[in-house]
Amino acid sequence: MSGTAAVKKGRGGKKRADIRKVIADARDAARPTDVQAARAKRLADMMLGLITEEAAKHPEILDVEVGGSYRKGTWLAKPEMDVDVYLRFDRSTEQDRFKDVAIDVGRAALRDFAPYLKFSDHPYVEARLQKGVLANVVPCYDVDEGRWQSAADRSRFHVQYMTRRLTKRMKDDVRLLKSFLKANGLYGAQVATNGFSGYVAEVLVSHYGSFEGAVRAFARDVVPGYVIGRAAREFTGIISIIDPIDGNRNLAAAISSANMVRFVLACRAFVREPSADFFDGRRAKRSRRVARRYWDNLLVVRFGFRKRAPDVIWGQVKKSAAKLAKKLAQDGFAVHRHGAHVETGEGRGYLFVLLGATEISPVYVQYGPEFSMSENLDAYIGKNLGDSEMMWVDAKGRLVALKKWDDSRADAHARRLLNRENAGGSADALLPPGREGRPKVWIGSTADLGAAARGAAEELIATDAAIVRLS
């Protein structure tokens, strides 16, 4: 950050940077340079021309327009900016035709830039125009406000609303809030992150009037059940952020509860001790406290999968991690945390489970029927006596069997659960469909983890940066 921040006395007489000076410096750093703005305009104009030419061949496309954060003037130049172009279809166009034509137009218009498909609520075409600039060709319907036929139909109205609401300073503050969210690992509505979208950042700055206003509100006012905006109905969730053009839509529904609380803590930490570090992802990451001694308590599962849309595989792998953690807990392991990581390009998924101990007692208790279910007693004894260490009747009149685990170490236990031959076919229920090869299971070692996977695993043995800063 440029300049030397003014300082005030903080806790314990420690010098504290002036929050407005920190914000001003960070705002300047987040704003695209004139060179970056000129390049973005040139590429956006080129892209719009190519797509308009192709769209003219399809009568169901009524208009082509640039949208998204570029149109609203809230885009970030780094690390990568998106230029969204919307194809506005006649509302009578059938869904299949709507999707197929949009893909055809996108692929044809961007054929010189190696276009590829991405998936949200429906497929769309993306391409890299230059390093640091992505192009998205997104279909939507020409509908009246509130009569949505596709997920992208609101986008045109978002542009209109934010164009009216955001001043030049507020646009810079949206960029600043995005930088704050990025640096603290909270930016991105995709399933991999479950964080804050760019539009949510715009809504918060629009609602509170500035970056500082939004951060102070979350630091001071936000409590469970807090509602930002005018809701047309009640919503569940710890905090609701209402779409200003659709009172029936809670934008916070896509944000995980953990990320919402992390944002509140980050805001409190920033207001208490303002620092440029809150806008620098590398410094924010280094401020975590990593308890490396717990590597030896971390169970890792790695597996291959057939490539598919990132949001799909991320959702499946996260679900698998939760299911494996639940099954291990049911079997007697102390499960503290679990997490997931996906390397979409390599077709690899990882499940992580942080355990209190990597081994449990070799035996466990299985409760059988009570005497009131006397017709089941003989059947239970016949089925379980042979493979039990012992069996008895407890004080409540229940049959109880003491059984021995096949595997009491967490890695062997998880391997058995995930192994189709030994788990009676239940492996497909624990791992995502379409996996390839046998999963590899181990405890503690980082030798088989690349930098990104290691970073994801490390999050499970680290104290969040915002918590450290508040201490």
Protein backbone atom coordinates (compact mmCIF):
# COMPACT_ATOMS: atom_id res chain seq x y z
CA MET A 1 0.00 0.00 0.00
CA SER A 2 1.26 3.47 -0.81
CA GLY A 3 2.11 6.01 1.83
CA THR A 4 2.52 5.72 5.57
CA ALA A 5 -0.72 5.24 7.46
CA ALA A 6 -1.57 7.59 10.29
CA VAL A 7 -1.64 5.85 13.65
CA LYS A 8 -3.70 5.97 16.82
CA LYS A 9 -3.36 4.25 20.16
CA GLY A 10 -4.93 0.81 20.19
CA ARG A 11 -5.23 -1.87 22.87
CA GLY A 12 -2.51 -1.78 25.46
CA GLY A 13 -1.22 1.55 24.14
CA LYS A 14 -0.10 -0.10 20.89
CA LYS A 15 -0.03 2.13 17.83
CA ARG A 16 -3.06 1.55 15.60
CA ALA A 17 -3.37 2.57 11.96
CA ASP A 18 -6.12 5.05 11.10
CA ILE A 19 -8.92 3.09 9.46
CA ARG A 20 -9.73 5.72 6.85
CA LYS A 21 -6.11 6.00 5.75
CA VAL A 22 -5.86 2.21 5.44
CA ILE A 23 -9.10 2.14 3.44
CA ALA A 24 -8.01 4.98 1.16
CA ASP A 25 -4.71 3.27 0.33
CA ALA A 26 -6.41 -0.09 -0.25
CA ARG A 27 -9.07 1.54 -2.42
CA ASP A 28 -6.39 3.02 -4.66
CA ALA A 29 -4.70 -0.36 -4.99
CA ALA A 30 -7.95 -2.14 -5.90
CA ARG A 31 -8.88 0.31 -8.65
CA PRO A 32 -7.81 -0.78 -12.17
CA THR A 33 -5.17 1.38 -13.80
CA ASP A 34 -5.89 3.38 -16.95
CA VAL A 35 -3.90 0.81 -18.92
CA GLN A 36 -5.94 -2.06 -17.48
CA ALA A 37 -9.21 -0.21 -18.14
CA ALA A 38 -8.22 0.50 -21.76
CA ARG A 39 -7.30 -3.13 -22.34
CA ALA A 40 -10.57 -4.32 -20.80
CA LYS A 41 -12.61 -1.97 -23.01
CA ARG A 42 -10.77 -3.08 -26.13
CA LEU A 43 -11.34 -6.76 -25.37
CA ALA A 44 -14.98 -6.23 -24.34
CA ASP A 45 -15.71 -4.32 -27.56
CA MET A 46 -14.01 -7.01 -29.64
CA MET A 47 -15.92 -9.77 -27.86
CA LEU A 48 -19.24 -7.95 -28.22
CA GLY A 49 -18.67 -7.52 -31.95
CA LEU A 50 -17.82 -11.20 -32.50
CA ILE A 51 -20.83 -12.41 -30.54
CA THR A 52 -23.24 -9.91 -32.11
CA GLU A 53 -22.20 -11.12 -35.56
CA GLU A 54 -22.92 -14.75 -34.69
CA ALA A 55 -26.11 -13.96 -32.78
CA ALA A 56 -27.57 -12.22 -35.84
CA LYS A 57 -27.88 -15.64 -37.48
CA HIS A 58 -30.48 -16.72 -34.89
CA PRO A 59 -33.83 -14.88 -34.91
CA GLU A 60 -34.72 -16.05 -31.39
CA ILE A 61 -31.90 -13.84 -30.00
CA LEU A 62 -33.35 -10.36 -29.59
CA ASP A 63 -30.32 -8.53 -28.25
CA VAL A 64 -26.69 -8.90 -27.16
CA GLU A 65 -25.29 -6.81 -24.33
CA VAL A 66 -22.34 -6.64 -21.98
CA GLY A 67 -23.31 -7.19 -18.35
CA GLY A 68 -21.84 -8.30 -15.07
CA SER A 69 -19.27 -6.44 -13.01
CA TYR A 70 -17.61 -4.95 -16.09
CA ARG A 71 -20.80 -3.19 -17.14
CA LYS A 72 -21.42 -2.02 -13.57
CA GLY A 73 -17.86 -0.73 -13.16
CA THR A 74 -17.07 -2.93 -10.16
CA TRP A 75 -14.63 -5.37 -11.78
CA LEU A 76 -11.27 -6.31 -10.33
CA ALA A 77 -8.26 -6.40 -12.62
CA LYS A 78 -6.38 -8.99 -10.57
CA PRO A 79 -5.89 -11.85 -10.57
CA GLU A 80 -8.42 -12.30 -13.38
CA MET A 81 -11.40 -10.31 -14.65
CA ASP A 82 -14.55 -11.59 -16.33
CA VAL A 83 -16.33 -9.94 -19.25
CA ASP A 84 -19.90 -11.26 -19.40
CA VAL A 85 -21.93 -10.96 -22.60
CA TYR A 86 -25.62 -11.85 -22.38
CA LEU A 87 -27.70 -13.25 -25.22
CA ARG A 88 -31.27 -12.09 -24.65
CA PHE A 89 -33.71 -14.69 -26.06
CA ASP A 90 -37.34 -14.34 -26.99
CA ARG A 91 -39.29 -15.61 -23.99
CA SER A 92 -41.09 -18.20 -26.14
CA THR A 93 -37.85 -20.05 -26.91
CA GLU A 94 -37.91 -23.60 -25.56
CA GLN A 95 -35.29 -24.50 -22.96
CA ASP A 96 -33.41 -26.99 -25.12
CA ARG A 97 -33.22 -24.52 -28.00
CA PHE A 98 -32.25 -21.76 -25.56
CA LYS A 99 -29.25 -23.80 -24.34
CA ASP A 100 -28.16 -25.21 -27.72
CA VAL A 101 -28.23 -21.90 -29.58
CA ALA A 102 -26.34 -20.11 -26.81
CA ILE A 103 -23.60 -22.76 -26.87
CA ASP A 104 -23.40 -22.65 -30.67
CA VAL A 105 -23.10 -18.85 -30.69
CA GLY A 106 -20.50 -18.81 -27.94
CA ARG A 107 -18.35 -21.49 -29.53
CA ALA A 108 -18.52 -19.96 -32.99
CA ALA A 109 -17.84 -16.39 -31.83
CA LEU A 110 -14.89 -17.35 -29.62
CA ARG A 111 -13.49 -20.16 -31.76
CA ASP A 112 -10.08 -18.48 -31.94
CA PHE A 113 -9.79 -18.50 -28.13
CA ALA A 114 -10.27 -22.24 -27.36
CA PRO A 115 -13.77 -21.93 -25.87
CA TYR A 116 -15.06 -24.52 -23.40
CA LEU A 117 -18.27 -25.23 -21.52
CA LYS A 118 -18.91 -24.30 -17.92
CA PHE A 119 -21.99 -25.10 -15.88
CA SER A 120 -24.11 -23.12 -13.48
CA ASP A 121 -27.89 -23.61 -13.52
CA HIS A 122 -27.39 -24.19 -17.24
CA PRO A 123 -24.30 -24.53 -19.46
CA TYR A 124 -22.54 -21.49 -20.86
CA VAL A 125 -19.42 -20.85 -22.93
CA GLU A 126 -16.21 -19.45 -21.50
CA ALA A 127 -12.87 -18.57 -23.10
CA ARG A 128 -9.66 -16.84 -22.11
CA LEU A 129 -9.23 -13.80 -24.36
CA GLN A 130 -5.84 -12.95 -22.90
CA LYS A 131 -3.95 -13.73 -19.74
CA GLY A 132 -6.06 -12.34 -16.92
CA VAL A 133 -9.23 -11.82 -19.00
CA LEU A 134 -12.05 -14.37 -19.20
CA ALA A 135 -15.04 -14.09 -21.53
CA ASN A 136 -18.43 -15.61 -20.65
CA VAL A 137 -21.34 -15.98 -23.08
CA VAL A 138 -24.51 -16.35 -21.01
CA PRO A 139 -28.09 -16.81 -22.25
CA CYS A 140 -31.07 -15.16 -20.60
CA TYR A 141 -34.72 -14.52 -21.48
CA ASP A 142 -36.27 -11.17 -22.41
CA VAL A 143 -38.67 -11.12 -19.45
CA ASP A 144 -40.33 -8.50 -17.28
CA GLU A 145 -38.93 -7.99 -13.79
CA GLY A 146 -40.05 -10.77 -11.47
CA ARG A 147 -41.12 -13.16 -14.25
CA TRP A 148 -37.90 -15.15 -14.32
CA GLN A 149 -37.55 -18.10 -16.69
CA SER A 150 -33.82 -18.78 -16.20
CA ALA A 151 -31.25 -18.14 -13.50
CA ALA A 152 -29.56 -15.38 -15.53
CA ASP A 153 -32.72 -13.35 -16.21
CA ARG A 154 -32.14 -11.13 -13.17
CA SER A 155 -28.72 -10.01 -14.38
CA ARG A 156 -30.03 -7.27 -16.69
CA PHE A 157 -32.06 -5.84 -13.81
CA HIS A 158 -29.08 -6.08 -11.47
CA VAL A 159 -27.13 -3.91 -13.92
CA GLN A 160 -29.94 -1.36 -14.11
CA TYR A 161 -30.32 -1.24 -10.33
CA MET A 162 -26.62 -0.90 -9.55
CA THR A 163 -26.08 1.66 -12.32
CA ARG A 164 -28.65 3.86 -10.60
CA ARG A 165 -27.44 3.22 -7.05
CA LEU A 166 -23.64 3.13 -7.12
CA THR A 167 -21.62 6.32 -7.24
CA LYS A 168 -18.03 6.31 -8.50
CA ARG A 169 -16.75 6.12 -4.91
CA MET A 170 -19.15 3.27 -4.10
CA LYS A 171 -17.94 1.33 -7.15
CA ASP A 172 -14.41 1.63 -5.84
CA ASP A 173 -15.66 0.46 -2.45
CA VAL A 174 -17.23 -2.61 -4.06
CA ARG A 175 -13.82 -3.41 -5.50
CA LEU A 176 -12.34 -2.87 -2.06
CA LEU A 177 -14.84 -5.23 -0.45
CA LYS A 178 -14.10 -7.85 -3.09
CA SER A 179 -10.37 -7.50 -2.34
CA PHE A 180 -11.10 -7.88 1.39
CA LEU A 181 -13.16 -11.02 0.74
CA LYS A 182 -10.56 -12.50 -1.62
CA ALA A 183 -7.70 -11.94 0.79
CA ASN A 184 -9.62 -13.66 3.58
CA GLY A 185 -10.69 -16.66 1.50
CA LEU A 186 -14.35 -15.67 1.41
CA TYR A 187 -14.89 -14.59 -2.20
CA GLY A 188 -16.71 -16.72 -4.75
CA ALA A 189 -20.18 -18.22 -4.91
CA GLN A 190 -19.00 -21.48 -6.50
CA VAL A 191 -19.50 -24.70 -4.52
CA ALA A 192 -15.75 -24.97 -3.90
CA THR A 193 -15.89 -21.81 -1.78
CA ASN A 194 -19.52 -21.25 -0.74
CA GLY A 195 -18.54 -17.63 -0.22
CA PHE A 196 -19.70 -14.13 -1.16
CA SER A 197 -20.47 -13.41 -4.81
CA GLY A 198 -19.51 -10.18 -6.52
CA TYR A 199 -23.17 -9.20 -6.58
CA VAL A 200 -23.43 -9.66 -2.81
CA ALA A 201 -20.49 -7.27 -2.43
CA GLU A 202 -22.37 -4.74 -4.58
CA VAL A 203 -25.55 -5.18 -2.55
CA LEU A 204 -23.73 -4.65 0.75
CA VAL A 205 -21.98 -1.47 -0.39
CA SER A 206 -25.22 -0.21 -1.96
CA HIS A 207 -27.13 -0.89 1.26
CA TYR A 208 -24.60 0.58 3.70
CA GLY A 209 -23.23 3.29 1.43
CA SER A 210 -19.55 2.38 1.64
CA PHE A 211 -17.03 -0.34 2.39
CA GLU A 212 -16.47 1.09 5.85
CA GLY A 213 -20.21 1.21 6.51
CA ALA A 214 -20.64 -2.44 5.53
CA VAL A 215 -17.65 -3.64 7.56
CA ARG A 216 -18.67 -1.66 10.64
CA ALA A 217 -22.24 -2.97 10.41
CA PHE A 218 -21.07 -6.58 10.29
CA ALA A 219 -18.60 -5.94 13.09
CA ARG A 220 -21.15 -4.27 15.34
CA ASP A 221 -24.77 -4.97 14.40
CA VAL A 222 -25.10 -8.35 12.72
CA VAL A 223 -26.61 -11.04 14.94
CA PRO A 224 -28.35 -14.36 14.16
CA GLY A 225 -31.59 -13.67 12.28
CA TYR A 226 -30.35 -10.33 10.94
CA VAL A 227 -31.99 -9.31 7.64
CA ILE A 228 -30.34 -6.92 5.17
CA GLY A 229 -32.85 -5.49 2.72
CA ARG A 230 -36.59 -5.92 2.27
CA ALA A 231 -37.74 -9.53 2.30
CA ALA A 232 -41.00 -10.67 0.76
CA ARG A 233 -41.08 -13.70 3.07
CA GLU A 234 -39.22 -15.25 5.99
CA PHE A 235 -35.94 -17.01 5.38
CA THR A 236 -33.97 -19.51 7.41
CA GLY A 237 -30.25 -19.09 8.00
CA ILE A 238 -28.21 -17.07 10.45
CA ILE A 239 -28.18 -13.94 8.24
CA SER A 240 -30.29 -13.00 5.22
CA ILE A 241 -29.15 -10.68 2.42
CA ILE A 242 -32.13 -9.90 0.22
CA ASP A 243 -31.79 -9.31 -3.51
CA PRO A 244 -33.05 -5.73 -3.98
CA ILE A 245 -34.82 -6.66 -7.22
CA ASP A 246 -36.35 -9.88 -5.89
CA GLY A 247 -37.60 -9.93 -2.31
CA ASN A 248 -38.13 -13.70 -2.54
CA ARG A 249 -34.42 -14.34 -3.04
CA ASN A 250 -31.95 -14.63 -0.16
CA LEU A 251 -28.45 -14.10 -1.57
CA ALA A 252 -26.92 -15.40 1.66
CA ALA A 253 -28.36 -18.87 1.04
CA ALA A 254 -25.32 -19.71 -1.09
CA ILE A 255 -22.90 -18.60 1.66
CA SER A 256 -21.95 -21.25 4.21
CA SER A 257 -22.64 -20.47 7.86
CA ALA A 258 -18.92 -20.89 8.58
CA ASN A 259 -17.98 -18.29 5.95
CA MET A 260 -20.61 -15.87 7.19
CA VAL A 261 -19.21 -16.07 10.72
CA ARG A 262 -15.64 -15.78 9.38
CA PHE A 263 -16.67 -12.58 7.61
CA VAL A 264 -18.14 -11.16 10.83
CA LEU A 265 -14.91 -12.00 12.69
CA ALA A 266 -12.74 -10.53 9.91
CA CYS A 267 -14.78 -7.32 10.03
CA ARG A 268 -14.42 -7.08 13.80
CA ALA A 269 -10.69 -7.70 13.56
CA PHE A 270 -10.28 -5.06 10.84
CA VAL A 271 -12.27 -2.41 12.73
CA ARG A 272 -10.29 -3.13 15.88
CA GLU A 273 -6.85 -3.17 14.25
CA PRO A 274 -7.00 -1.78 10.68
CA SER A 275 -4.17 -3.03 8.49
CA ALA A 276 -3.23 -3.39 4.84
CA ASP A 277 -2.77 -7.10 5.59
CA PHE A 278 -6.54 -7.58 5.36
CA PHE A 279 -6.30 -6.91 1.62
CA ASP A 280 -3.26 -9.10 0.98
CA GLY A 281 -4.11 -12.80 0.71
CA ARG A 282 -0.57 -13.97 1.34
CA ARG A 283 -0.28 -12.03 4.58
CA ALA A 284 -3.77 -13.08 5.69
CA LYS A 285 -2.88 -16.74 5.17
CA ARG A 286 0.37 -16.40 7.06
CA SER A 287 -1.47 -14.94 10.05
CA ARG A 288 -3.15 -18.29 10.73
CA ARG A 289 -1.73 -20.45 13.49
CA VAL A 290 -1.01 -23.90 12.13
CA ALA A 291 -0.77 -26.65 14.75
CA ARG A 292 1.58 -28.91 12.77
CA ARG A 293 1.70 -31.50 15.55
CA TYR A 294 -1.78 -32.55 14.44
CA TRP A 295 -0.64 -33.71 11.00
CA ASP A 296 -0.36 -37.16 12.60
CA ASN A 297 -4.08 -37.06 13.40
CA LEU A 298 -5.16 -36.24 9.85
CA LEU A 299 -6.72 -39.01 7.77
CA VAL A 300 -6.38 -38.48 4.01
CA VAL A 301 -8.27 -40.22 1.19
CA ARG A 302 -7.23 -39.56 -2.41
CA PHE A 303 -9.12 -40.88 -5.43
CA GLY A 304 -9.50 -40.27 -9.14
CA PHE A 305 -12.70 -39.36 -10.92
CA ARG A 306 -14.01 -38.83 -14.41
CA LYS A 307 -13.96 -35.12 -15.19
CA ARG A 308 -17.19 -33.17 -14.88
CA ALA A 309 -18.41 -29.66 -14.09
CA PRO A 310 -16.45 -28.17 -11.15
CA ASP A 311 -19.54 -27.29 -9.11
CA VAL A 312 -20.86 -30.84 -9.52
CA ILE A 313 -17.69 -32.64 -8.42
CA TRP A 314 -16.99 -30.18 -5.62
CA GLY A 315 -20.48 -30.75 -4.24
CA GLN A 316 -20.05 -34.52 -4.46
CA VAL A 317 -16.61 -34.55 -2.83
CA LYS A 318 -17.72 -32.29 0.02
CA LYS A 319 -20.67 -34.59 0.60
CA SER A 320 -18.36 -37.62 0.61
CA ALA A 321 -16.11 -36.04 3.23
CA ALA A 322 -19.10 -35.39 5.48
CA LYS A 323 -20.40 -38.94 5.03
CA LEU A 324 -17.02 -40.53 5.76
CA ALA A 325 -16.58 -38.37 8.87
CA LYS A 326 -20.07 -39.32 10.06
CA LYS A 327 -19.43 -43.04 9.52
CA LEU A 328 -16.11 -42.93 11.37
CA ALA A 329 -17.79 -41.12 14.27
CA GLN A 330 -20.56 -43.71 14.36
CA ASP A 331 -17.92 -46.42 14.57
CA GLY A 332 -16.26 -44.84 17.62
CA PHE A 333 -13.60 -42.48 16.28
CA ALA A 334 -13.43 -38.97 17.72
CA VAL A 335 -13.94 -36.78 14.64
CA HIS A 336 -13.08 -33.11 15.16
CA ARG A 337 -13.27 -31.63 11.63
CA HIS A 338 -13.52 -32.72 8.05
CA GLY A 339 -12.84 -31.10 4.70
CA ALA A 340 -12.40 -31.72 0.98
CA HIS A 341 -10.29 -30.62 -1.94
CA VAL A 342 -10.66 -31.11 -5.70
CA GLU A 343 -8.08 -30.81 -8.46
CA THR A 344 -10.43 -30.59 -11.40
CA GLY A 345 -7.73 -30.47 -14.07
CA GLU A 346 -6.05 -33.65 -12.81
CA GLY A 347 -9.30 -35.44 -11.94
CA ARG A 348 -8.32 -35.97 -8.29
CA GLY A 349 -10.37 -35.59 -5.15
CA TYR A 350 -9.30 -35.55 -1.51
CA LEU A 351 -11.18 -36.20 1.72
CA PHE A 352 -9.67 -35.02 5.01
CA VAL A 353 -10.76 -36.03 8.52
CA LEU A 354 -9.09 -34.66 11.66
CA LEU A 355 -9.29 -37.25 14.42
CA GLY A 356 -8.82 -37.09 18.16
CA ALA A 357 -6.94 -40.39 17.96
CA THR A 358 -6.06 -42.59 15.03
CA GLU A 359 -6.92 -45.83 16.81
CA ILE A 360 -9.91 -46.96 18.82
CA SER A 361 -10.53 -49.88 21.16
CA PRO A 362 -10.32 -53.18 19.27
CA VAL A 363 -13.76 -54.14 20.57
CA TYR A 364 -17.17 -52.50 20.58
CA VAL A 365 -20.61 -53.13 22.11
CA GLN A 366 -23.59 -54.05 19.97
CA TYR A 367 -27.02 -53.92 21.62
CA GLY A 368 -29.60 -56.52 20.68
CA PRO A 369 -33.34 -56.85 21.32
CA GLU A 370 -35.04 -56.52 24.71
CA PHE A 371 -36.97 -59.36 26.31
CA SER A 372 -40.24 -57.68 25.23
CA MET A 373 -39.22 -58.64 21.69
CA SER A 374 -38.77 -62.26 22.74
CA GLU A 375 -39.50 -63.60 19.25
CA ASN A 376 -36.25 -61.95 18.09
CA LEU A 377 -33.99 -63.22 20.89
CA ASP A 378 -33.23 -66.63 19.41
CA ALA A 379 -32.57 -65.15 15.97
CA TYR A 380 -30.20 -62.54 17.40
CA ILE A 381 -28.26 -65.13 19.39
CA GLY A 382 -28.00 -67.47 16.42
CA LYS A 383 -26.72 -64.69 14.19
CA ASN A 384 -24.26 -63.03 16.57
CA LEU A 385 -22.95 -65.52 19.13
CA GLY A 386 -20.41 -67.08 16.79
CA ASP A 387 -18.56 -63.87 15.98
CA SER A 388 -18.85 -62.22 19.41
CA GLU A 389 -16.14 -62.09 22.07
CA MET A 390 -18.86 -62.52 24.68
CA MET A 391 -22.59 -61.93 25.09
CA TRP A 392 -24.73 -61.05 28.11
CA VAL A 393 -28.05 -59.67 29.32
CA ASP A 394 -27.80 -56.16 30.74
CA ALA A 395 -29.77 -54.51 33.54
CA LYS A 396 -32.50 -53.43 31.13
CA GLY A 397 -33.06 -56.95 29.88
CA ARG A 398 -31.32 -56.38 26.54
CA LEU A 399 -29.01 -58.83 24.85
CA VAL A 400 -25.55 -57.30 24.46
CA ALA A 401 -22.71 -58.59 22.29
CA LEU A 402 -19.06 -57.59 22.57
CA LYS A 403 -17.57 -57.67 19.09
CA LYS A 404 -14.13 -57.16 17.65
CA TRP A 405 -13.40 -54.62 14.93
CA ASP A 406 -11.78 -55.97 11.80
CA ASP A 407 -9.67 -52.80 11.84
CA SER A 408 -9.20 -50.44 14.77
CA ARG A 409 -6.72 -48.09 13.06
CA ALA A 410 -8.40 -45.22 11.25
CA ASP A 411 -6.62 -45.71 7.92
CA ALA A 412 -7.37 -49.43 7.75
CA HIS A 413 -10.91 -48.84 8.97
CA ALA A 414 -11.56 -46.18 6.33
CA ARG A 415 -9.94 -48.34 3.66
CA ARG A 416 -12.34 -51.16 4.51
CA LEU A 417 -15.32 -48.80 4.39
CA LEU A 418 -14.25 -47.52 0.98
CA ASN A 419 -13.32 -50.90 -0.45
CA ARG A 420 -16.18 -52.32 -2.48
CA GLU A 421 -15.29 -55.98 -1.96
CA ASN A 422 -15.13 -55.70 1.85
CA ALA A 423 -17.90 -53.14 2.33
CA GLY A 424 -20.70 -54.98 0.57
CA GLY A 425 -20.93 -52.46 -2.25
CA SER A 426 -21.22 -49.42 0.01
CA ALA A 427 -18.17 -47.70 -1.50
CA ASP A 428 -20.37 -46.04 -4.11
CA ALA A 429 -22.38 -44.51 -1.27
CA LEU A 430 -19.29 -42.97 0.34
CA LEU A 431 -17.37 -41.83 -2.73
CA PRO A 432 -18.79 -39.88 -5.69
CA PRO A 433 -20.05 -41.83 -8.69
CA GLY A 434 -17.67 -42.12 -11.60
CA ARG A 435 -14.53 -42.57 -9.51
CA GLU A 436 -11.55 -44.25 -11.14
CA GLY A 437 -9.27 -46.82 -9.52
CA ARG A 438 -8.93 -47.68 -5.85
CA PRO A 439 -8.79 -44.85 -3.33
CA LYS A 440 -5.50 -44.35 -1.49
CA VAL A 441 -5.83 -43.90 2.28
CA TRP A 442 -3.15 -42.77 4.73
CA ILE A 443 -2.55 -40.85 7.94
CA GLY A 444 -0.23 -37.94 8.57
CA SER A 445 2.17 -37.92 5.65
CA THR A 446 2.23 -34.95 3.30
CA ALA A 447 4.47 -36.62 0.73
CA ASP A 448 1.60 -37.34 -1.67
CA LEU A 449 0.00 -33.89 -1.37
CA GLY A 450 0.68 -31.13 -3.87
CA ALA A 451 0.82 -27.51 -2.74
CA ALA A 452 -2.92 -26.83 -3.20
CA ALA A 453 -4.03 -30.06 -1.51
CA ARG A 454 -1.57 -29.51 1.32
CA GLY A 455 -2.96 -26.01 1.81
CA ALA A 456 -6.50 -27.39 1.99
CA ALA A 457 -5.44 -30.04 4.49
CA GLU A 458 -3.56 -27.47 6.55
CA GLU A 459 -6.79 -25.50 7.03
CA LEU A 460 -8.04 -28.33 9.24
CA ILE A 461 -5.10 -28.00 11.64
CA ALA A 462 -5.02 -24.20 11.74
CA THR A 463 -6.72 -21.44 13.68
CA ASP A 464 -8.55 -19.02 11.35
CA ALA A 465 -6.69 -15.77 10.69
CA ALA A 466 -9.60 -13.63 11.89
CA ILE A 467 -9.66 -15.46 15.22
CA VAL A 468 -5.91 -14.93 15.63
CA ARG A 469 -6.31 -11.23 14.89
CA LEU A 470 -9.07 -10.88 17.46
CA SER A 471 -6.98 -12.50 20.20
